[in-house]
All heavy atoms as atom14 arrays in JSON, in Angstrom:
{
  "sequence": "FTSAAEADRHPEEKVPVNLVSKWPFEWHIAALGLPAVILRPVSFME",
  "atom14_mask": [
    [1, 1, 1, 1, 1, 1, 1, 1, 1, 1, 1, 0, 0, 0],
    [1, 1, 1, 1, 1, 1, 1, 0, 0, 0, 0, 0, 0, 0],
    [1, 1, 1, 1, 1, 1, 0, 0, 0, 0, 0, 0, 0, 0],
    [1, 1, 1, 1, 1, 0, 0, 0, 0, 0, 0, 0, 0, 0],
    [1, 1, 1, 1, 1, 0, 0, 0, 0, 0, 0, 0, 0, 0],
    [1, 1, 1, 1, 1, 1, 1, 1, 1, 0, 0, 0, 0, 0],
    [1, 1, 1, 1, 1, 0, 0, 0, 0, 0, 0, 0, 0, 0],
    [1, 1, 1, 1, 1, 1, 1, 1, 0, 0, 0, 0, 0, 0],
    [1, 1, 1, 1, 1, 1, 1, 1, 1, 1, 1, 0, 0, 0],
    [1, 1, 1, 1, 1, 1, 1, 1, 1, 1, 0, 0, 0, 0],
    [1, 1, 1, 1, 1, 1, 1, 0, 0, 0, 0, 0, 0, 0],
    [1, 1, 1, 1, 1, 1, 1, 1, 1, 0, 0, 0, 0, 0],
    [1, 1, 1, 1, 1, 1, 1, 1, 1, 0, 0, 0, 0, 0],
    [1, 1, 1, 1, 1, 1, 1, 1, 1, 0, 0, 0, 0, 0],
    [1, 1, 1, 1, 1, 1, 1, 0, 0, 0, 0, 0, 0, 0],
    [1, 1, 1, 1, 1, 1, 1, 0, 0, 0, 0, 0, 0, 0],
    [1, 1, 1, 1, 1, 1, 1, 0, 0, 0, 0, 0, 0, 0],
    [1, 1, 1, 1, 1, 1, 1, 1, 0, 0, 0, 0, 0, 0],
    [1, 1, 1, 1, 1, 1, 1, 1, 0, 0, 0, 0, 0, 0],
    [1, 1, 1, 1, 1, 1, 1, 0, 0, 0, 0, 0, 0, 0],
    [1, 1, 1, 1, 1, 1, 0, 0, 0, 0, 0, 0, 0, 0],
    [1, 1, 1, 1, 1, 1, 1, 1, 1, 0, 0, 0, 0, 0],
    [1, 1, 1, 1, 1, 1, 1, 1, 1, 1, 1, 1, 1, 1],
    [1, 1, 1, 1, 1, 1, 1, 0, 0, 0, 0, 0, 0, 0],
    [1, 1, 1, 1, 1, 1, 1, 1, 1, 1, 1, 0, 0, 0],
    [1, 1, 1, 1, 1, 1, 1, 1, 1, 0, 0, 0, 0, 0],
    [1, 1, 1, 1, 1, 1, 1, 1, 1, 1, 1, 1, 1, 1],
    [1, 1, 1, 1, 1, 1, 1, 1, 1, 1, 0, 0, 0, 0],
    [1, 1, 1, 1, 1, 1, 1, 1, 0, 0, 0, 0, 0, 0],
    [1, 1, 1, 1, 1, 0, 0, 0, 0, 0, 0, 0, 0, 0],
    [1, 1, 1, 1, 1, 0, 0, 0, 0, 0, 0, 0, 0, 0],
    [1, 1, 1, 1, 1, 1, 1, 1, 0, 0, 0, 0, 0, 0],
    [1, 1, 1, 1, 0, 0, 0, 0, 0, 0, 0, 0, 0, 0],
    [1, 1, 1, 1, 1, 1, 1, 1, 0, 0, 0, 0, 0, 0],
    [1, 1, 1, 1, 1, 1, 1, 0, 0, 0, 0, 0, 0, 0],
    [1, 1, 1, 1, 1, 0, 0, 0, 0, 0, 0, 0, 0, 0],
    [1, 1, 1, 1, 1, 1, 1, 0, 0, 0, 0, 0, 0, 0],
    [1, 1, 1, 1, 1, 1, 1, 1, 0, 0, 0, 0, 0, 0],
    [1, 1, 1, 1, 1, 1, 1, 1, 0, 0, 0, 0, 0, 0],
    [1, 1, 1, 1, 1, 1, 1, 1, 1, 1, 1, 0, 0, 0],
    [1, 1, 1, 1, 1, 1, 1, 0, 0, 0, 0, 0, 0, 0],
    [1, 1, 1, 1, 1, 1, 1, 0, 0, 0, 0, 0, 0, 0],
    [1, 1, 1, 1, 1, 1, 0, 0, 0, 0, 0, 0, 0, 0],
    [1, 1, 1, 1, 1, 1, 1, 1, 1, 1, 1, 0, 0, 0],
    [1, 1, 1, 1, 1, 1, 1, 1, 0, 0, 0, 0, 0, 0],
    [1, 1, 1, 1, 1, 1, 1, 1, 1, 0, 0, 0, 0, 0]
  ],
  "atom14_positions": [
    [[0.84, -1.2, 0.0], [0.0, 0.0, 0.0], [0.87, 1.24, 0.0], [1.79, 1.37, 0.81], [-0.91, 0.01, 1.24], [-1.78, 1.24, 1.33], [-2.79, 1.46, 0.41], [-1.59, 2.16, 2.34], [-3.59, 2.58, 0.49], [-2.4, 3.29, 2.44], [-3.39, 3.5, 1.51], [0.0, 0.0, 0.0], [0.0, 0.0, 0.0], [0.0, 0.0, 0.0]],
    [[0.59, 2.14, -0.93], [1.3, 3.41, -0.96], [0.48, 4.44, -0.21], [-0.59, 4.84, -0.65], [1.56, 3.87, -2.41], [2.25, 2.84, -3.09], [2.38, 5.14, -2.43], [0.0, 0.0, 0.0], [0.0, 0.0, 0.0], [0.0, 0.0, 0.0], [0.0, 0.0, 0.0], [0.0, 0.0, 0.0], [0.0, 0.0, 0.0], [0.0, 0.0, 0.0]],
    [[1.02, 4.85, 0.91], [0.37, 5.82, 1.78], [1.01, 7.18, 1.54], [1.28, 7.54, 0.4], [0.53, 5.35, 3.24], [-0.18, 6.18, 4.12], [0.0, 0.0, 0.0], [0.0, 0.0, 0.0], [0.0, 0.0, 0.0], [0.0, 0.0, 0.0], [0.0, 0.0, 0.0], [0.0, 0.0, 0.0], [0.0, 0.0, 0.0], [0.0, 0.0, 0.0]],
    [[1.26, 7.91, 2.59], [1.91, 9.22, 2.49], [2.8, 9.42, 3.71], [2.52, 8.9, 4.79], [0.87, 10.33, 2.43], [0.0, 0.0, 0.0], [0.0, 0.0, 0.0], [0.0, 0.0, 0.0], [0.0, 0.0, 0.0], [0.0, 0.0, 0.0], [0.0, 0.0, 0.0], [0.0, 0.0, 0.0], [0.0, 0.0, 0.0], [0.0, 0.0, 0.0]],
    [[3.87, 10.17, 3.51], [4.81, 10.43, 4.6], [4.08, 10.91, 5.85], [3.23, 11.79, 5.78], [5.84, 11.46, 4.17], [0.0, 0.0, 0.0], [0.0, 0.0, 0.0], [0.0, 0.0, 0.0], [0.0, 0.0, 0.0], [0.0, 0.0, 0.0], [0.0, 0.0, 0.0], [0.0, 0.0, 0.0], [0.0, 0.0, 0.0], [0.0, 0.0, 0.0]],
    [[4.4, 10.29, 6.95], [3.85, 10.65, 8.27], [2.33, 10.63, 8.31], [1.7, 11.4, 9.05], [4.41, 11.99, 8.72], [5.92, 11.97, 8.84], [6.5, 13.26, 9.37], [5.77, 14.05, 10.0], [7.69, 13.48, 9.16], [0.0, 0.0, 0.0], [0.0, 0.0, 0.0], [0.0, 0.0, 0.0], [0.0, 0.0, 0.0], [0.0, 0.0, 0.0]],
    [[1.72, 9.73, 7.56], [0.26, 9.64, 7.53], [-0.31, 9.43, 8.92], [-1.4, 9.92, 9.23], [-0.19, 8.5, 6.62], [0.0, 0.0, 0.0], [0.0, 0.0, 0.0], [0.0, 0.0, 0.0], [0.0, 0.0, 0.0], [0.0, 0.0, 0.0], [0.0, 0.0, 0.0], [0.0, 0.0, 0.0], [0.0, 0.0, 0.0], [0.0, 0.0, 0.0]],
    [[0.43, 8.74, 9.77], [-0.06, 8.45, 11.11], [-0.12, 9.67, 12.02], [-0.75, 9.64, 13.06], [0.78, 7.36, 11.76], [2.26, 7.7, 11.83], [2.75, 8.47, 10.98], [2.94, 7.19, 12.73], [0.0, 0.0, 0.0], [0.0, 0.0, 0.0], [0.0, 0.0, 0.0], [0.0, 0.0, 0.0], [0.0, 0.0, 0.0], [0.0, 0.0, 0.0]],
    [[0.49, 10.78, 11.64], [0.43, 11.96, 12.51], [-0.53, 13.02, 12.01], [-0.64, 14.08, 12.58], [1.81, 12.55, 12.72], [2.42, 13.18, 11.48], [3.68, 13.92, 11.84], [3.33, 15.28, 12.15], [3.84, 16.34, 11.54], [4.76, 16.18, 10.62], [3.45, 17.55, 11.85], [0.0, 0.0, 0.0], [0.0, 0.0, 0.0], [0.0, 0.0, 0.0]],
    [[-1.25, 12.75, 10.93], [-2.11, 13.76, 10.33], [-3.6, 13.69, 10.66], [-4.33, 14.58, 10.25], [-1.98, 13.73, 8.8], [-0.63, 14.14, 8.31], [-0.1, 15.37, 8.56], [0.3, 13.46, 7.61], [1.11, 15.45, 8.02], [1.36, 14.31, 7.43], [0.0, 0.0, 0.0], [0.0, 0.0, 0.0], [0.0, 0.0, 0.0], [0.0, 0.0, 0.0]],
    [[-4.11, 12.7, 11.37], [-5.57, 12.6, 11.51], [-6.27, 13.83, 12.09], [-7.4, 14.11, 11.74], [-5.79, 11.39, 12.41], [-4.53, 10.64, 12.4], [-3.43, 11.59, 12.02], [0.0, 0.0, 0.0], [0.0, 0.0, 0.0], [0.0, 0.0, 0.0], [0.0, 0.0, 0.0], [0.0, 0.0, 0.0], [0.0, 0.0, 0.0], [0.0, 0.0, 0.0]],
    [[-5.6, 14.58, 12.94], [-6.24, 15.73, 13.57], [-5.82, 17.06, 12.96], [-6.32, 18.11, 13.36], [-5.91, 15.74, 15.07], [-6.27, 14.44, 15.8], [-7.75, 14.11, 15.71], [-8.59, 15.03, 15.78], [-8.08, 12.92, 15.54], [0.0, 0.0, 0.0], [0.0, 0.0, 0.0], [0.0, 0.0, 0.0], [0.0, 0.0, 0.0], [0.0, 0.0, 0.0]],
    [[-4.9, 17.05, 12.02], [-4.39, 18.29, 11.45], [-5.2, 18.72, 10.23], [-5.83, 17.91, 9.58], [-2.93, 18.11, 11.02], [-1.99, 17.81, 12.16], [-0.58, 17.6, 11.66], [-0.13, 18.34, 10.77], [0.07, 16.68, 12.17], [0.0, 0.0, 0.0], [0.0, 0.0, 0.0], [0.0, 0.0, 0.0], [0.0, 0.0, 0.0], [0.0, 0.0, 0.0]],
    [[-5.14, 20.01, 9.92], [-5.74, 20.51, 8.69], [-4.7, 20.35, 7.59], [-3.78, 21.15, 7.47], [-6.13, 21.98, 8.84], [-7.46, 22.2, 9.45], [-7.89, 23.64, 9.23], [-9.39, 23.69, 9.3], [-9.9, 24.99, 8.98], [0.0, 0.0, 0.0], [0.0, 0.0, 0.0], [0.0, 0.0, 0.0], [0.0, 0.0, 0.0], [0.0, 0.0, 0.0]],
    [[-4.84, 19.3, 6.84], [-3.93, 19.01, 5.73], [-4.78, 18.56, 4.55], [-5.96, 18.26, 4.7], [-2.89, 17.93, 6.11], [-1.95, 18.43, 7.19], [-3.55, 16.64, 6.55], [0.0, 0.0, 0.0], [0.0, 0.0, 0.0], [0.0, 0.0, 0.0], [0.0, 0.0, 0.0], [0.0, 0.0, 0.0], [0.0, 0.0, 0.0], [0.0, 0.0, 0.0]],
    [[-4.18, 18.48, 3.36], [-4.96, 18.04, 2.19], [-5.6, 16.67, 2.42], [-5.06, 15.81, 3.12], [-3.91, 17.97, 1.08], [-2.84, 18.92, 1.52], [-2.81, 18.84, 3.02], [0.0, 0.0, 0.0], [0.0, 0.0, 0.0], [0.0, 0.0, 0.0], [0.0, 0.0, 0.0], [0.0, 0.0, 0.0], [0.0, 0.0, 0.0], [0.0, 0.0, 0.0]],
    [[-6.76, 16.48, 1.82], [-7.54, 15.24, 1.97], [-6.71, 14.01, 1.62], [-6.85, 12.97, 2.24], [-8.81, 15.32, 1.11], [-9.48, 13.96, 0.99], [-9.77, 16.33, 1.7], [0.0, 0.0, 0.0], [0.0, 0.0, 0.0], [0.0, 0.0, 0.0], [0.0, 0.0, 0.0], [0.0, 0.0, 0.0], [0.0, 0.0, 0.0], [0.0, 0.0, 0.0]],
    [[-5.83, 14.13, 0.62], [-5.05, 12.97, 0.23], [-4.14, 12.48, 1.36], [-3.79, 11.31, 1.4], [-4.25, 13.22, -1.05], [-3.19, 14.28, -0.88], [-3.43, 15.34, -0.31], [-2.0, 14.01, -1.38], [0.0, 0.0, 0.0], [0.0, 0.0, 0.0], [0.0, 0.0, 0.0], [0.0, 0.0, 0.0], [0.0, 0.0, 0.0], [0.0, 0.0, 0.0]],
    [[-3.78, 13.34, 2.31], [-2.99, 12.89, 3.46], [-3.89, 12.29, 4.54], [-3.6, 11.23, 5.07], [-2.19, 14.05, 4.05], [-1.09, 14.63, 3.19], [-0.37, 15.74, 3.92], [-0.1, 13.55, 2.77], [0.0, 0.0, 0.0], [0.0, 0.0, 0.0], [0.0, 0.0, 0.0], [0.0, 0.0, 0.0], [0.0, 0.0, 0.0], [0.0, 0.0, 0.0]],
    [[-4.96, 12.97, 4.86], [-5.86, 12.52, 5.91], [-6.45, 11.16, 5.57], [-6.63, 10.31, 6.45], [-6.98, 13.56, 6.15], [-8.01, 13.04, 7.14], [-6.4, 14.87, 6.64], [0.0, 0.0, 0.0], [0.0, 0.0, 0.0], [0.0, 0.0, 0.0], [0.0, 0.0, 0.0], [0.0, 0.0, 0.0], [0.0, 0.0, 0.0], [0.0, 0.0, 0.0]],
    [[-6.73, 10.92, 4.31], [-7.4, 9.68, 3.92], [-6.5, 8.46, 4.02], [-7.0, 7.33, 4.06], [-7.93, 9.81, 2.49], [-6.85, 9.89, 1.58], [0.0, 0.0, 0.0], [0.0, 0.0, 0.0], [0.0, 0.0, 0.0], [0.0, 0.0, 0.0], [0.0, 0.0, 0.0], [0.0, 0.0, 0.0], [0.0, 0.0, 0.0], [0.0, 0.0, 0.0]],
    [[-5.2, 8.63, 4.07], [-4.29, 7.48, 4.05], [-4.28, 6.7, 5.36], [-4.2, 5.48, 5.36], [-2.86, 7.94, 3.73], [-2.71, 8.66, 2.41], [-2.91, 7.76, 1.25], [-2.59, 8.49, -0.05], [-2.57, 7.63, -1.19], [0.0, 0.0, 0.0], [0.0, 0.0, 0.0], [0.0, 0.0, 0.0], [0.0, 0.0, 0.0], [0.0, 0.0, 0.0]],
    [[-4.33, 7.39, 6.5], [-4.22, 6.73, 7.79], [-5.34, 5.72, 8.03], [-5.06, 4.6, 8.47], [-4.13, 7.76, 8.9], [-4.05, 7.15, 10.27], [-4.93, 7.32, 11.29], [-3.05, 6.27, 10.76], [-4.54, 6.61, 12.39], [-3.38, 5.93, 12.09], [-1.91, 5.7, 10.21], [-2.62, 5.08, 12.88], [-1.14, 4.84, 11.0], [-1.5, 4.55, 12.31]],
    [[-6.6, 6.04, 7.76], [-7.65, 5.02, 7.97], [-7.43, 3.75, 7.14], [-7.74, 2.65, 7.59], [-8.94, 5.73, 7.56], [-8.65, 7.18, 7.72], [-7.19, 7.33, 7.4], [0.0, 0.0, 0.0], [0.0, 0.0, 0.0], [0.0, 0.0, 0.0], [0.0, 0.0, 0.0], [0.0, 0.0, 0.0], [0.0, 0.0, 0.0], [0.0, 0.0, 0.0]],
    [[-6.87, 3.91, 5.95], [-6.57, 2.73, 5.14], [-5.48, 1.89, 5.79], [-5.57, 0.67, 5.84], [-6.15, 3.13, 3.71], [-7.29, 3.48, 2.82], [-7.59, 4.82, 2.57], [-8.07, 2.5, 2.24], [-8.66, 5.15, 1.75], [-9.14, 2.83, 1.41], [-9.43, 4.16, 1.18], [0.0, 0.0, 0.0], [0.0, 0.0, 0.0], [0.0, 0.0, 0.0]],
    [[-4.43, 2.55, 6.29], [-3.38, 1.81, 6.98], [-3.96, 1.05, 8.19], [-3.63, -0.11, 8.42], [-2.28, 2.75, 7.46], [-1.39, 3.27, 6.36], [-0.18, 4.0, 6.91], [0.36, 3.58, 7.96], [0.25, 4.98, 6.28], [0.0, 0.0, 0.0], [0.0, 0.0, 0.0], [0.0, 0.0, 0.0], [0.0, 0.0, 0.0], [0.0, 0.0, 0.0]],
    [[-4.79, 1.73, 8.94], [-5.4, 1.13, 10.13], [-6.26, -0.08, 9.72], [-6.21, -1.12, 10.36], [-6.24, 2.18, 10.86], [-6.8, 1.67, 12.14], [-6.19, 1.7, 13.36], [-8.06, 1.04, 12.33], [-7.0, 1.12, 14.3], [-8.16, 0.7, 13.7], [-9.13, 0.71, 11.49], [-9.27, 0.06, 14.24], [-10.23, 0.07, 12.03], [-10.3, -0.24, 13.39]],
    [[-7.03, 0.07, 8.65], [-7.91, -1.02, 8.19], [-7.1, -2.22, 7.72], [-7.45, -3.37, 8.01], [-8.83, -0.5, 7.08], [-9.9, -1.47, 6.7], [-10.93, -1.81, 7.55], [-10.1, -2.19, 5.56], [-11.73, -2.69, 6.95], [-11.24, -2.94, 5.75], [0.0, 0.0, 0.0], [0.0, 0.0, 0.0], [0.0, 0.0, 0.0], [0.0, 0.0, 0.0]],
    [[-6.01, -1.98, 7.01], [-5.14, -3.07, 6.56], [-4.63, -3.85, 7.77], [-4.64, -5.08, 7.8], [-3.96, -2.51, 5.72], [-4.5, -1.98, 4.38], [-2.88, -3.56, 5.51], [-3.51, -1.08, 3.65], [0.0, 0.0, 0.0], [0.0, 0.0, 0.0], [0.0, 0.0, 0.0], [0.0, 0.0, 0.0], [0.0, 0.0, 0.0], [0.0, 0.0, 0.0]],
    [[-4.19, -3.11, 8.8], [-3.7, -3.77, 10.03], [-4.82, -4.53, 10.72], [-4.62, -5.66, 11.18], [-3.1, -2.73, 10.96], [0.0, 0.0, 0.0], [0.0, 0.0, 0.0], [0.0, 0.0, 0.0], [0.0, 0.0, 0.0], [0.0, 0.0, 0.0], [0.0, 0.0, 0.0], [0.0, 0.0, 0.0], [0.0, 0.0, 0.0], [0.0, 0.0, 0.0]],
    [[-6.02, -3.94, 10.81], [-7.15, -4.59, 11.47], [-7.55, -5.88, 10.77], [-7.98, -6.84, 11.42], [-8.34, -3.63, 11.55], [0.0, 0.0, 0.0], [0.0, 0.0, 0.0], [0.0, 0.0, 0.0], [0.0, 0.0, 0.0], [0.0, 0.0, 0.0], [0.0, 0.0, 0.0], [0.0, 0.0, 0.0], [0.0, 0.0, 0.0], [0.0, 0.0, 0.0]],
    [[-7.41, -5.92, 9.45], [-7.72, -7.13, 8.7], [-6.64, -8.21, 8.87], [-6.86, -9.36, 8.51], [-7.87, -6.81, 7.21], [-9.09, -6.0, 6.81], [-9.02, -5.62, 5.32], [-10.37, -6.77, 7.09], [0.0, 0.0, 0.0], [0.0, 0.0, 0.0], [0.0, 0.0, 0.0], [0.0, 0.0, 0.0], [0.0, 0.0, 0.0], [0.0, 0.0, 0.0]],
    [[-5.48, -7.81, 9.35], [-4.38, -8.75, 9.5], [-3.73, -9.14, 8.2], [-3.11, -10.21, 8.1], [0.0, 0.0, 0.0], [0.0, 0.0, 0.0], [0.0, 0.0, 0.0], [0.0, 0.0, 0.0], [0.0, 0.0, 0.0], [0.0, 0.0, 0.0], [0.0, 0.0, 0.0], [0.0, 0.0, 0.0], [0.0, 0.0, 0.0], [0.0, 0.0, 0.0]],
    [[-3.86, -8.29, 7.18], [-3.25, -8.6, 5.89], [-1.73, -8.59, 5.99], [-1.16, -7.7, 6.63], [-3.65, -7.54, 4.84], [-5.07, -7.54, 4.35], [-5.3, -6.36, 3.4], [-5.39, -8.83, 3.63], [0.0, 0.0, 0.0], [0.0, 0.0, 0.0], [0.0, 0.0, 0.0], [0.0, 0.0, 0.0], [0.0, 0.0, 0.0], [0.0, 0.0, 0.0]],
    [[-1.07, -9.54, 5.35], [0.38, -9.43, 5.26], [0.66, -8.26, 4.3], [0.31, -8.32, 3.13], [0.82, -10.77, 4.69], [-0.4, -11.34, 4.03], [-1.59, -10.73, 4.71], [0.0, 0.0, 0.0], [0.0, 0.0, 0.0], [0.0, 0.0, 0.0], [0.0, 0.0, 0.0], [0.0, 0.0, 0.0], [0.0, 0.0, 0.0], [0.0, 0.0, 0.0]],
    [[1.24, -7.2, 4.84], [1.34, -5.98, 4.04], [2.65, -5.24, 4.25], [3.31, -5.39, 5.28], [0.18, -5.05, 4.38], [0.0, 0.0, 0.0], [0.0, 0.0, 0.0], [0.0, 0.0, 0.0], [0.0, 0.0, 0.0], [0.0, 0.0, 0.0], [0.0, 0.0, 0.0], [0.0, 0.0, 0.0], [0.0, 0.0, 0.0], [0.0, 0.0, 0.0]],
    [[2.97, -4.44, 3.25], [4.06, -3.47, 3.31], [3.41, -2.11, 3.12], [2.59, -1.93, 2.21], [5.09, -3.71, 2.17], [6.21, -2.67, 2.23], [5.63, -5.12, 2.21], [0.0, 0.0, 0.0], [0.0, 0.0, 0.0], [0.0, 0.0, 0.0], [0.0, 0.0, 0.0], [0.0, 0.0, 0.0], [0.0, 0.0, 0.0], [0.0, 0.0, 0.0]],
    [[3.77, -1.17, 3.97], [3.24, 0.19, 3.85], [4.38, 1.09, 3.39], [5.41, 1.2, 4.07], [2.67, 0.71, 5.19], [1.64, -0.25, 5.77], [2.13, 2.13, 5.02], [0.38, -0.42, 4.97], [0.0, 0.0, 0.0], [0.0, 0.0, 0.0], [0.0, 0.0, 0.0], [0.0, 0.0, 0.0], [0.0, 0.0, 0.0], [0.0, 0.0, 0.0]],
    [[4.22, 1.71, 2.25], [5.2, 2.69, 1.75], [4.62, 4.08, 1.98], [3.48, 4.35, 1.6], [5.47, 2.47, 0.27], [6.06, 1.12, -0.11], [6.22, 1.02, -1.62], [7.4, 0.9, 0.57], [0.0, 0.0, 0.0], [0.0, 0.0, 0.0], [0.0, 0.0, 0.0], [0.0, 0.0, 0.0], [0.0, 0.0, 0.0], [0.0, 0.0, 0.0]],
    [[5.4, 4.96, 2.61], [4.95, 6.31, 2.91], [5.88, 7.34, 2.26], [6.65, 8.02, 2.94], [4.93, 6.54, 4.42], [3.92, 5.7, 5.17], [4.05, 5.98, 6.65], [3.04, 5.28, 7.42], [3.15, 5.05, 8.72], [4.21, 5.47, 9.38], [2.19, 4.43, 9.36], [0.0, 0.0, 0.0], [0.0, 0.0, 0.0], [0.0, 0.0, 0.0]],
    [[5.83, 7.48, 0.94], [6.73, 8.43, 0.29], [6.35, 9.88, 0.58], [5.21, 10.19, 0.93], [6.56, 8.12, -1.2], [5.18, 7.55, -1.3], [4.95, 6.8, -0.01], [0.0, 0.0, 0.0], [0.0, 0.0, 0.0], [0.0, 0.0, 0.0], [0.0, 0.0, 0.0], [0.0, 0.0, 0.0], [0.0, 0.0, 0.0], [0.0, 0.0, 0.0]],
    [[7.33, 10.75, 0.43], [7.13, 12.19, 0.57], [6.48, 12.73, -0.71], [6.14, 11.96, -1.61], [8.47, 12.9, 0.86], [9.05, 12.44, 2.19], [9.48, 12.68, -0.27], [0.0, 0.0, 0.0], [0.0, 0.0, 0.0], [0.0, 0.0, 0.0], [0.0, 0.0, 0.0], [0.0, 0.0, 0.0], [0.0, 0.0, 0.0], [0.0, 0.0, 0.0]],
    [[6.35, 14.04, -0.83], [5.76, 14.65, -2.03], [6.57, 14.31, -3.27], [7.78, 14.11, -3.21], [5.72, 16.18, -1.87], [4.85, 16.53, -0.83], [0.0, 0.0, 0.0], [0.0, 0.0, 0.0], [0.0, 0.0, 0.0], [0.0, 0.0, 0.0], [0.0, 0.0, 0.0], [0.0, 0.0, 0.0], [0.0, 0.0, 0.0], [0.0, 0.0, 0.0]],
    [[5.88, 14.26, -4.39], [6.52, 13.89, -5.65], [7.06, 15.11, -6.39], [6.38, 16.14, -6.49], [5.53, 13.17, -6.56], [4.91, 11.95, -5.94], [3.55, 11.74, -6.03], [5.68, 11.01, -5.27], [2.96, 10.64, -5.46], [5.1, 9.89, -4.69], [3.74, 9.7, -4.8], [0.0, 0.0, 0.0], [0.0, 0.0, 0.0], [0.0, 0.0, 0.0]],
    [[8.25, 14.98, -6.94], [8.83, 16.04, -7.77], [7.9, 16.37, -8.94], [7.79, 17.51, -9.35], [10.2, 15.63, -8.3], [11.27, 15.59, -7.25], [12.83, 15.07, -7.98], [13.89, 15.2, -6.55], [0.0, 0.0, 0.0], [0.0, 0.0, 0.0], [0.0, 0.0, 0.0], [0.0, 0.0, 0.0], [0.0, 0.0, 0.0], [0.0, 0.0, 0.0]],
    [[7.24, 15.33, -9.46], [6.36, 15.53, -10.61], [5.19, 16.46, -10.32], [4.58, 17.0, -11.25], [5.85, 14.17, -11.11], [6.9, 13.32, -11.8], [7.86, 12.6, -10.85], [7.75, 12.73, -9.61], [8.77, 11.91, -11.36], [0.0, 0.0, 0.0], [0.0, 0.0, 0.0], [0.0, 0.0, 0.0], [0.0, 0.0, 0.0], [0.0, 0.0, 0.0]]
  ]
}
């Protein structure tokens, strides 16, 4: 799963939706017990 840098610290902050939305997905993946890798890249040069 490609998340976003420091997604776990953004749930209460005013940040773009694309950051806030990542943490619940990470949490759900963990709750399901999926064997997973979480990638949290920073902003893209593109």
